[in-house]
Amino acid sequence: MKCDFCDQKATVFLTQLIEGQMKKVCLCESCAKTKGVTDPTGFSLADMLLSGMPTSALVANAPFVPTRSGGGKKCPNCGFSVDDLNRVRRFGCSECVQAFRPEVELILRGMHQGVTHVGKVPPGFEEIHARDEKLEELRQQLEKAIAHENYEQAASLRDQIRQLELPLPATTLP
């Protein structure tokens, strides 16, 4: 992509929400420096618009970039805040998933009955899925047996878990 000001190779891509519309600007490194884009708190796309930026540089419905003014917890990678997540219901980067894990789980619980998939299993994976469910059940039983100091049952459950954890023979999918 090329810079919207000087047609050099763009290395900085900015998107802001202005009057409910997503606006995108592509800049080369030198134009980004002259426009003050390196300081996220001192940059406004609206100011750039008023300074004579070509209107062809604006693209509606572009990906959201955080304004970095939102409060609360922030992603250490991209600066996306919890407020941004709640407002647009999208992540700023792949690391946001881990940074906002508790908040995401709350959002998912509000949308669904839980955070575990309970839908259909793809053809050919039924055996693997059944084994995984059995393993989870046995692990929960093992924890209970240990908590109740029933070590004989715990040893039996441990052996069953080890047996199920052995690799399945390779099969061809339908």
N, C-alpha and C. Protein backbone atom coordinates (compact mmCIF):
# COMPACT_ATOMS: atom_id res chain seq x y z
N MET A 1 0.84 -1.18 0.00
CA MET A 1 0.00 0.00 0.00
C MET A 1 0.88 1.24 0.00
N LYS A 2 0.34 2.31 -0.53
CA LYS A 2 1.09 3.56 -0.65
C LYS A 2 0.56 4.61 0.31
N CYS A 3 1.46 5.51 0.68
CA CYS A 3 1.12 6.62 1.56
C CYS A 3 0.08 7.51 0.87
N ASP A 4 -0.91 7.95 1.62
CA ASP A 4 -1.97 8.79 1.06
C ASP A 4 -1.49 10.21 0.76
N PHE A 5 -0.28 10.59 1.24
CA PHE A 5 0.23 11.94 1.02
C PHE A 5 1.30 12.00 -0.05
N CYS A 6 2.24 11.03 -0.05
CA CYS A 6 3.39 11.16 -0.95
C CYS A 6 3.62 9.94 -1.84
N ASP A 7 2.78 8.96 -1.81
CA ASP A 7 2.85 7.76 -2.64
C ASP A 7 4.07 6.87 -2.38
N GLN A 8 4.77 7.08 -1.25
CA GLN A 8 5.83 6.13 -0.86
C GLN A 8 5.16 4.92 -0.20
N LYS A 9 5.96 3.89 0.09
CA LYS A 9 5.42 2.69 0.72
C LYS A 9 4.89 3.02 2.12
N ALA A 10 3.63 2.67 2.37
CA ALA A 10 3.01 2.94 3.66
C ALA A 10 3.45 1.90 4.69
N THR A 11 3.83 2.40 5.87
CA THR A 11 4.21 1.51 6.97
C THR A 11 3.37 1.75 8.21
N VAL A 12 2.59 2.80 8.22
CA VAL A 12 1.73 3.14 9.35
C VAL A 12 0.30 3.18 8.85
N PHE A 13 -0.57 2.43 9.51
CA PHE A 13 -1.97 2.36 9.11
C PHE A 13 -2.82 2.76 10.30
N LEU A 14 -3.59 3.81 10.15
CA LEU A 14 -4.39 4.35 11.24
C LEU A 14 -5.87 4.26 10.92
N THR A 15 -6.64 3.96 11.95
CA THR A 15 -8.09 3.94 11.81
C THR A 15 -8.67 4.58 13.05
N GLN A 16 -9.62 5.48 12.88
CA GLN A 16 -10.30 6.10 14.01
C GLN A 16 -11.79 6.16 13.73
N LEU A 17 -12.55 6.21 14.79
CA LEU A 17 -13.99 6.36 14.70
C LEU A 17 -14.30 7.85 14.80
N ILE A 18 -14.81 8.43 13.70
CA ILE A 18 -15.13 9.86 13.65
C ILE A 18 -16.59 9.98 13.26
N GLU A 19 -17.39 10.57 14.16
CA GLU A 19 -18.83 10.75 13.93
C GLU A 19 -19.50 9.46 13.52
N GLY A 20 -19.14 8.36 14.19
CA GLY A 20 -19.76 7.07 13.92
C GLY A 20 -19.25 6.36 12.68
N GLN A 21 -18.31 6.95 11.97
CA GLN A 21 -17.75 6.35 10.75
C GLN A 21 -16.30 5.95 11.00
N MET A 22 -15.92 4.77 10.49
CA MET A 22 -14.53 4.34 10.57
C MET A 22 -13.76 4.99 9.42
N LYS A 23 -12.67 5.66 9.73
CA LYS A 23 -11.84 6.33 8.74
C LYS A 23 -10.43 5.74 8.81
N LYS A 24 -9.83 5.46 7.65
CA LYS A 24 -8.52 4.83 7.58
C LYS A 24 -7.55 5.70 6.79
N VAL A 25 -6.30 5.78 7.28
CA VAL A 25 -5.25 6.54 6.62
C VAL A 25 -3.99 5.68 6.56
N CYS A 26 -3.33 5.67 5.40
CA CYS A 26 -2.07 4.95 5.21
C CYS A 26 -0.96 6.00 5.08
N LEU A 27 0.11 5.84 5.87
CA LEU A 27 1.20 6.81 5.87
C LEU A 27 2.55 6.12 5.76
N CYS A 28 3.51 6.81 5.13
CA CYS A 28 4.89 6.33 5.15
C CYS A 28 5.49 6.79 6.48
N GLU A 29 6.69 6.33 6.78
CA GLU A 29 7.30 6.66 8.07
C GLU A 29 7.55 8.16 8.22
N SER A 30 8.02 8.82 7.16
CA SER A 30 8.32 10.25 7.28
C SER A 30 7.05 11.09 7.44
N CYS A 31 5.99 10.77 6.71
CA CYS A 31 4.73 11.51 6.85
C CYS A 31 4.13 11.26 8.23
N ALA A 32 4.28 10.06 8.75
CA ALA A 32 3.77 9.75 10.09
C ALA A 32 4.46 10.63 11.13
N LYS A 33 5.77 10.81 10.97
CA LYS A 33 6.51 11.65 11.92
C LYS A 33 6.10 13.11 11.81
N THR A 34 5.96 13.62 10.58
CA THR A 34 5.61 15.03 10.40
C THR A 34 4.19 15.32 10.87
N LYS A 35 3.31 14.33 10.82
CA LYS A 35 1.92 14.53 11.25
C LYS A 35 1.75 14.26 12.75
N GLY A 36 2.83 13.82 13.43
CA GLY A 36 2.74 13.58 14.86
C GLY A 36 2.06 12.28 15.23
N VAL A 37 2.07 11.33 14.32
CA VAL A 37 1.38 10.06 14.55
C VAL A 37 2.14 9.17 15.53
N THR A 38 3.43 9.41 15.72
CA THR A 38 4.22 8.58 16.63
C THR A 38 3.79 8.76 18.08
N ASP A 39 3.10 9.85 18.40
CA ASP A 39 2.57 10.08 19.74
C ASP A 39 1.07 9.85 19.70
N PRO A 40 0.58 8.66 20.16
CA PRO A 40 -0.84 8.35 20.02
C PRO A 40 -1.76 9.32 20.76
N THR A 41 -1.26 9.97 21.82
CA THR A 41 -2.13 10.89 22.55
C THR A 41 -2.24 12.24 21.85
N GLY A 42 -1.26 12.56 20.98
CA GLY A 42 -1.27 13.86 20.32
C GLY A 42 -1.76 13.83 18.89
N PHE A 43 -2.36 12.73 18.47
CA PHE A 43 -2.76 12.58 17.08
C PHE A 43 -4.28 12.58 16.95
N SER A 44 -4.78 13.27 15.96
CA SER A 44 -6.20 13.26 15.66
C SER A 44 -6.38 13.16 14.15
N LEU A 45 -7.12 12.18 13.72
CA LEU A 45 -7.40 12.02 12.29
C LEU A 45 -8.20 13.22 11.78
N ALA A 46 -9.05 13.78 12.64
CA ALA A 46 -9.85 14.95 12.24
C ALA A 46 -8.92 16.12 11.90
N ASP A 47 -7.85 16.31 12.70
CA ASP A 47 -6.89 17.38 12.40
C ASP A 47 -6.24 17.14 11.05
N MET A 48 -5.94 15.88 10.75
CA MET A 48 -5.31 15.56 9.48
C MET A 48 -6.27 15.85 8.33
N LEU A 49 -7.56 15.56 8.54
CA LEU A 49 -8.56 15.84 7.51
C LEU A 49 -8.62 17.33 7.20
N LEU A 50 -8.56 18.15 8.26
CA LEU A 50 -8.63 19.59 8.08
C LEU A 50 -7.37 20.16 7.43
N SER A 51 -6.27 19.39 7.47
CA SER A 51 -5.01 19.89 6.91
C SER A 51 -4.88 19.60 5.42
N GLY A 52 -5.94 19.11 4.79
CA GLY A 52 -5.91 18.92 3.35
C GLY A 52 -5.57 17.53 2.89
N MET A 53 -5.84 16.52 3.68
CA MET A 53 -5.58 15.16 3.25
C MET A 53 -6.54 14.79 2.13
N PRO A 54 -6.09 14.06 1.12
CA PRO A 54 -6.99 13.67 0.03
C PRO A 54 -8.13 12.80 0.54
N THR A 55 -9.35 13.06 0.05
CA THR A 55 -10.51 12.30 0.52
C THR A 55 -10.47 10.86 0.05
N SER A 56 -9.69 10.54 -0.98
CA SER A 56 -9.59 9.15 -1.42
C SER A 56 -8.91 8.28 -0.38
N ALA A 57 -8.28 8.90 0.61
CA ALA A 57 -7.58 8.15 1.64
C ALA A 57 -8.52 7.60 2.69
N LEU A 58 -9.76 8.05 2.69
CA LEU A 58 -10.70 7.61 3.72
C LEU A 58 -11.47 6.39 3.24
N VAL A 59 -11.52 5.39 4.08
CA VAL A 59 -12.22 4.16 3.73
C VAL A 59 -13.20 3.84 4.85
N ALA A 60 -14.48 3.73 4.51
CA ALA A 60 -15.48 3.38 5.51
C ALA A 60 -15.39 1.90 5.84
N ASN A 61 -15.87 1.53 7.01
CA ASN A 61 -15.90 0.15 7.49
C ASN A 61 -14.52 -0.50 7.55
N ALA A 62 -13.49 0.26 7.83
CA ALA A 62 -12.15 -0.30 7.99
C ALA A 62 -12.03 -0.92 9.38
N PRO A 63 -11.03 -1.76 9.61
CA PRO A 63 -10.87 -2.37 10.92
C PRO A 63 -10.69 -1.32 12.01
N PHE A 64 -11.19 -1.61 13.20
CA PHE A 64 -11.12 -0.68 14.32
C PHE A 64 -9.73 -0.68 14.93
N VAL A 65 -9.21 0.49 15.23
CA VAL A 65 -7.96 0.62 15.97
C VAL A 65 -8.28 1.38 17.24
N PRO A 66 -7.80 0.92 18.40
CA PRO A 66 -8.17 1.58 19.65
C PRO A 66 -7.71 3.02 19.70
N THR A 67 -8.48 3.84 20.39
CA THR A 67 -8.13 5.25 20.52
C THR A 67 -7.08 5.47 21.60
N ARG A 68 -6.80 4.47 22.39
CA ARG A 68 -5.84 4.51 23.48
C ARG A 68 -6.24 5.50 24.56
N SER A 69 -7.49 5.93 24.55
CA SER A 69 -7.95 6.82 25.60
C SER A 69 -8.89 6.10 26.55
N GLY A 70 -9.26 4.84 26.21
CA GLY A 70 -10.16 4.08 27.07
C GLY A 70 -9.51 3.76 28.39
N GLY A 71 -10.33 3.69 29.44
CA GLY A 71 -9.81 3.41 30.76
C GLY A 71 -9.80 1.92 31.04
N GLY A 72 -9.32 1.56 32.22
CA GLY A 72 -9.32 0.17 32.64
C GLY A 72 -8.13 -0.61 32.13
N LYS A 73 -8.25 -1.92 32.23
CA LYS A 73 -7.17 -2.83 31.83
C LYS A 73 -6.90 -2.70 30.33
N LYS A 74 -5.62 -2.77 29.95
CA LYS A 74 -5.24 -2.64 28.54
C LYS A 74 -4.42 -3.84 28.10
N CYS A 75 -4.49 -4.16 26.82
CA CYS A 75 -3.67 -5.21 26.23
C CYS A 75 -2.23 -4.72 26.19
N PRO A 76 -1.28 -5.52 26.68
CA PRO A 76 0.11 -5.07 26.66
C PRO A 76 0.70 -4.97 25.25
N ASN A 77 0.09 -5.63 24.29
CA ASN A 77 0.63 -5.63 22.93
C ASN A 77 0.14 -4.44 22.10
N CYS A 78 -1.18 -4.19 22.11
CA CYS A 78 -1.72 -3.17 21.20
C CYS A 78 -2.36 -1.97 21.91
N GLY A 79 -2.50 -2.01 23.22
CA GLY A 79 -3.09 -0.90 23.94
C GLY A 79 -4.61 -0.88 23.94
N PHE A 80 -5.23 -1.88 23.36
CA PHE A 80 -6.69 -2.00 23.34
C PHE A 80 -7.19 -2.10 24.78
N SER A 81 -8.23 -1.36 25.13
CA SER A 81 -8.72 -1.37 26.52
C SER A 81 -9.99 -2.20 26.64
N VAL A 82 -10.36 -2.49 27.88
CA VAL A 82 -11.60 -3.21 28.15
C VAL A 82 -12.78 -2.40 27.63
N ASP A 83 -12.70 -1.07 27.76
CA ASP A 83 -13.77 -0.21 27.24
C ASP A 83 -13.92 -0.38 25.73
N ASP A 84 -12.78 -0.46 25.02
CA ASP A 84 -12.81 -0.67 23.57
C ASP A 84 -13.48 -2.01 23.25
N LEU A 85 -13.11 -3.05 23.99
CA LEU A 85 -13.67 -4.38 23.78
C LEU A 85 -15.18 -4.37 23.99
N ASN A 86 -15.63 -3.73 25.06
CA ASN A 86 -17.07 -3.66 25.34
C ASN A 86 -17.81 -2.83 24.30
N ARG A 87 -17.15 -1.81 23.76
CA ARG A 87 -17.81 -0.93 22.80
C ARG A 87 -17.95 -1.58 21.42
N VAL A 88 -16.88 -2.19 20.91
CA VAL A 88 -16.92 -2.69 19.54
C VAL A 88 -17.06 -4.20 19.44
N ARG A 89 -16.91 -4.91 20.57
CA ARG A 89 -17.03 -6.39 20.59
C ARG A 89 -16.07 -7.05 19.60
N ARG A 90 -14.88 -6.47 19.47
CA ARG A 90 -13.82 -7.04 18.64
C ARG A 90 -12.51 -6.88 19.40
N PHE A 91 -11.52 -7.70 19.04
CA PHE A 91 -10.20 -7.61 19.64
C PHE A 91 -9.31 -6.70 18.82
N GLY A 92 -8.32 -6.10 19.48
CA GLY A 92 -7.36 -5.28 18.77
C GLY A 92 -6.25 -6.10 18.15
N CYS A 93 -5.89 -7.23 18.80
CA CYS A 93 -4.84 -8.12 18.28
C CYS A 93 -5.06 -9.51 18.86
N SER A 94 -4.22 -10.45 18.47
CA SER A 94 -4.39 -11.83 18.93
C SER A 94 -4.09 -11.97 20.42
N GLU A 95 -3.29 -11.10 21.00
CA GLU A 95 -2.97 -11.20 22.42
C GLU A 95 -4.08 -10.66 23.32
N CYS A 96 -5.03 -9.94 22.76
CA CYS A 96 -6.16 -9.43 23.54
C CYS A 96 -6.97 -10.58 24.16
N VAL A 97 -7.02 -11.71 23.47
CA VAL A 97 -7.79 -12.85 23.97
C VAL A 97 -7.28 -13.25 25.35
N GLN A 98 -5.97 -13.35 25.51
CA GLN A 98 -5.40 -13.72 26.81
C GLN A 98 -5.47 -12.55 27.80
N ALA A 99 -5.22 -11.35 27.33
CA ALA A 99 -5.22 -10.19 28.22
C ALA A 99 -6.60 -9.95 28.85
N PHE A 100 -7.66 -10.23 28.09
CA PHE A 100 -9.02 -9.97 28.56
C PHE A 100 -9.80 -11.26 28.81
N ARG A 101 -9.12 -12.36 29.11
CA ARG A 101 -9.78 -13.66 29.27
C ARG A 101 -10.99 -13.62 30.22
N PRO A 102 -10.86 -13.05 31.44
CA PRO A 102 -12.04 -13.03 32.33
C PRO A 102 -13.21 -12.25 31.74
N GLU A 103 -12.91 -11.13 31.11
CA GLU A 103 -13.98 -10.32 30.52
C GLU A 103 -14.64 -11.05 29.35
N VAL A 104 -13.83 -11.74 28.54
CA VAL A 104 -14.36 -12.49 27.40
C VAL A 104 -15.28 -13.61 27.89
N GLU A 105 -14.86 -14.30 28.95
CA GLU A 105 -15.70 -15.37 29.49
C GLU A 105 -17.04 -14.83 29.98
N LEU A 106 -17.02 -13.66 30.61
CA LEU A 106 -18.28 -13.05 31.05
C LEU A 106 -19.17 -12.71 29.86
N ILE A 107 -18.56 -12.17 28.80
CA ILE A 107 -19.33 -11.84 27.60
C ILE A 107 -19.93 -13.10 27.00
N LEU A 108 -19.12 -14.17 26.89
CA LEU A 108 -19.61 -15.43 26.32
C LEU A 108 -20.71 -16.04 27.17
N ARG A 109 -20.57 -15.97 28.48
CA ARG A 109 -21.62 -16.51 29.36
C ARG A 109 -22.93 -15.77 29.14
N GLY A 110 -22.83 -14.47 28.87
CA GLY A 110 -24.04 -13.70 28.61
C GLY A 110 -24.67 -14.04 27.27
N MET A 111 -23.86 -14.48 26.31
CA MET A 111 -24.36 -14.81 24.98
C MET A 111 -24.82 -16.26 24.88
N HIS A 112 -24.18 -17.15 25.63
CA HIS A 112 -24.43 -18.59 25.54
C HIS A 112 -24.66 -19.14 26.94
N GLN A 113 -24.97 -20.43 27.01
CA GLN A 113 -25.17 -21.07 28.30
C GLN A 113 -23.85 -21.36 29.01
N GLY A 114 -22.74 -21.27 28.35
CA GLY A 114 -21.45 -21.55 28.97
C GLY A 114 -20.33 -21.18 28.03
N VAL A 115 -19.12 -21.60 28.38
CA VAL A 115 -17.97 -21.30 27.55
C VAL A 115 -17.38 -22.56 26.93
N THR A 116 -18.08 -23.69 27.06
CA THR A 116 -17.64 -24.94 26.48
C THR A 116 -18.56 -25.31 25.32
N HIS A 117 -17.96 -25.73 24.21
CA HIS A 117 -18.74 -26.12 23.04
C HIS A 117 -19.48 -27.42 23.31
N VAL A 118 -20.78 -27.44 23.01
CA VAL A 118 -21.58 -28.64 23.23
C VAL A 118 -22.33 -29.04 21.96
N GLY A 119 -21.87 -28.58 20.84
CA GLY A 119 -22.54 -28.86 19.56
C GLY A 119 -22.14 -30.19 18.96
N LYS A 120 -22.39 -30.31 17.68
CA LYS A 120 -22.11 -31.55 16.95
C LYS A 120 -20.60 -31.75 16.80
N VAL A 121 -20.24 -33.03 16.65
CA VAL A 121 -18.84 -33.40 16.44
C VAL A 121 -18.67 -33.74 14.96
N PRO A 122 -17.63 -33.23 14.31
CA PRO A 122 -17.43 -33.53 12.89
C PRO A 122 -17.29 -35.03 12.64
N PRO A 123 -17.74 -35.51 11.50
CA PRO A 123 -17.62 -36.94 11.18
C PRO A 123 -16.16 -37.38 11.24
N GLY A 124 -15.94 -38.55 11.82
CA GLY A 124 -14.59 -39.09 11.93
C GLY A 124 -13.90 -38.73 13.23
N PHE A 125 -14.47 -37.82 14.01
CA PHE A 125 -13.85 -37.40 15.27
C PHE A 125 -14.66 -37.85 16.49
N GLU A 126 -15.69 -38.67 16.27
CA GLU A 126 -16.54 -39.09 17.37
C GLU A 126 -15.75 -39.83 18.45
N GLU A 127 -14.86 -40.75 18.02
CA GLU A 127 -14.08 -41.54 18.98
C GLU A 127 -13.16 -40.64 19.81
N ILE A 128 -12.52 -39.69 19.15
CA ILE A 128 -11.62 -38.77 19.86
C ILE A 128 -12.41 -37.93 20.84
N HIS A 129 -13.56 -37.43 20.41
CA HIS A 129 -14.39 -36.59 21.27
C HIS A 129 -14.88 -37.38 22.49
N ALA A 130 -15.33 -38.62 22.26
CA ALA A 130 -15.80 -39.46 23.37
C ALA A 130 -14.67 -39.73 24.35
N ARG A 131 -13.46 -39.99 23.83
CA ARG A 131 -12.31 -40.24 24.69
C ARG A 131 -11.99 -39.01 25.53
N ASP A 132 -12.01 -37.83 24.91
CA ASP A 132 -11.71 -36.59 25.63
C ASP A 132 -12.73 -36.34 26.74
N GLU A 133 -14.00 -36.59 26.46
CA GLU A 133 -15.03 -36.42 27.49
C GLU A 133 -14.82 -37.39 28.64
N LYS A 134 -14.49 -38.65 28.32
CA LYS A 134 -14.25 -39.66 29.36
C LYS A 134 -13.04 -39.28 30.20
N LEU A 135 -11.97 -38.78 29.54
CA LEU A 135 -10.79 -38.34 30.28
C LEU A 135 -11.13 -37.21 31.26
N GLU A 136 -11.90 -36.26 30.81
CA GLU A 136 -12.29 -35.14 31.68
C GLU A 136 -13.09 -35.64 32.88
N GLU A 137 -14.01 -36.55 32.63
CA GLU A 137 -14.82 -37.13 33.72
C GLU A 137 -13.93 -37.87 34.72
N LEU A 138 -12.99 -38.68 34.21
CA LEU A 138 -12.09 -39.43 35.09
C LEU A 138 -11.18 -38.49 35.89
N ARG A 139 -10.73 -37.42 35.30
CA ARG A 139 -9.87 -36.46 36.02
C ARG A 139 -10.64 -35.79 37.16
N GLN A 140 -11.90 -35.47 36.92
CA GLN A 140 -12.71 -34.89 37.99
C GLN A 140 -12.93 -35.89 39.12
N GLN A 141 -13.18 -37.16 38.76
CA GLN A 141 -13.34 -38.20 39.77
C GLN A 141 -12.04 -38.39 40.56
N LEU A 142 -10.90 -38.31 39.87
CA LEU A 142 -9.60 -38.45 40.51
C LEU A 142 -9.39 -37.34 41.54
N GLU A 143 -9.72 -36.11 41.18
CA GLU A 143 -9.59 -34.99 42.12
C GLU A 143 -10.45 -35.21 43.36
N LYS A 144 -11.68 -35.69 43.16
CA LYS A 144 -12.56 -35.95 44.29
C LYS A 144 -12.02 -37.07 45.16
N ALA A 145 -11.50 -38.14 44.54
CA ALA A 145 -10.96 -39.27 45.30
C ALA A 145 -9.77 -38.82 46.15
N ILE A 146 -8.90 -37.99 45.59
CA ILE A 146 -7.75 -37.49 46.34
C ILE A 146 -8.21 -36.58 47.46
N ALA A 147 -9.20 -35.72 47.19
CA ALA A 147 -9.71 -34.82 48.22
C ALA A 147 -10.31 -35.59 49.39
N HIS A 148 -10.93 -36.74 49.10
CA HIS A 148 -11.53 -37.58 50.15
C HIS A 148 -10.55 -38.62 50.69
N GLU A 149 -9.28 -38.52 50.26
CA GLU A 149 -8.21 -39.41 50.69
C GLU A 149 -8.51 -40.88 50.39
N ASN A 150 -9.20 -41.12 49.29
CA ASN A 150 -9.49 -42.49 48.84
C ASN A 150 -8.42 -42.84 47.80
N TYR A 151 -7.24 -43.21 48.30
CA TYR A 151 -6.08 -43.39 47.43
C TYR A 151 -6.15 -44.63 46.56
N GLU A 152 -6.85 -45.67 47.00
CA GLU A 152 -6.98 -46.87 46.17
C GLU A 152 -7.80 -46.55 44.92
N GLN A 153 -8.91 -45.85 45.12
CA GLN A 153 -9.73 -45.45 43.97
C GLN A 153 -8.95 -44.47 43.09
N ALA A 154 -8.19 -43.57 43.71
CA ALA A 154 -7.39 -42.61 42.96
C ALA A 154 -6.36 -43.32 42.09
N ALA A 155 -5.73 -44.36 42.62
CA ALA A 155 -4.74 -45.12 41.84
C ALA A 155 -5.41 -45.80 40.66
N SER A 156 -6.60 -46.36 40.88
CA SER A 156 -7.33 -47.01 39.80
C SER A 156 -7.71 -46.00 38.71
N LEU A 157 -8.20 -44.84 39.13
CA LEU A 157 -8.56 -43.79 38.18
C LEU A 157 -7.34 -43.29 37.42
N ARG A 158 -6.21 -43.15 38.12
CA ARG A 158 -4.97 -42.73 37.47
C ARG A 158 -4.58 -43.70 36.36
N ASP A 159 -4.70 -45.00 36.65
CA ASP A 159 -4.35 -46.02 35.66
C ASP A 159 -5.29 -45.96 34.45
N GLN A 160 -6.58 -45.73 34.70
CA GLN A 160 -7.54 -45.61 33.60
C GLN A 160 -7.21 -44.39 32.73
N ILE A 161 -6.84 -43.30 33.39
CA ILE A 161 -6.48 -42.08 32.65
C ILE A 161 -5.25 -42.32 31.78
N ARG A 162 -4.24 -42.97 32.35
CA ARG A 162 -3.02 -43.26 31.58
C ARG A 162 -3.34 -44.13 30.36
N GLN A 163 -4.23 -45.10 30.55
CA GLN A 163 -4.60 -45.99 29.45
C GLN A 163 -5.30 -45.21 28.33
N LEU A 164 -6.21 -44.32 28.72
CA LEU A 164 -6.93 -43.52 27.72
C LEU A 164 -6.02 -42.49 27.04
N GLU A 165 -4.97 -42.05 27.72
CA GLU A 165 -4.08 -41.05 27.15
C GLU A 165 -3.11 -41.63 26.12
N LEU A 166 -3.06 -42.95 25.99
CA LEU A 166 -2.22 -43.55 24.97
C LEU A 166 -2.72 -43.10 23.60
N PRO A 167 -1.80 -42.90 22.65
CA PRO A 167 -2.22 -42.41 21.33
C PRO A 167 -3.18 -43.38 20.65
N LEU A 168 -4.18 -42.82 19.99
CA LEU A 168 -5.12 -43.64 19.22
C LEU A 168 -4.44 -44.09 17.93
N PRO A 169 -4.81 -45.28 17.44
CA PRO A 169 -4.24 -45.71 16.15
C PRO A 169 -4.70 -44.77 15.04
N ALA A 170 -3.82 -44.53 14.09
CA ALA A 170 -4.14 -43.63 12.98
C ALA A 170 -5.25 -44.24 12.13
N THR A 171 -6.23 -43.41 11.82
CA THR A 171 -7.33 -43.84 10.97
C THR A 171 -7.49 -42.83 9.85
N THR A 172 -8.08 -43.28 8.78
CA THR A 172 -8.35 -42.36 7.68
C THR A 172 -9.73 -41.76 7.87
N LEU A 173 -9.83 -40.49 7.62
CA LEU A 173 -11.11 -39.80 7.76
C LEU A 173 -11.98 -40.09 6.55
N PRO A 174 -13.30 -40.11 6.75
CA PRO A 174 -14.21 -40.37 5.62
C PRO A 174 -14.12 -39.31 4.56
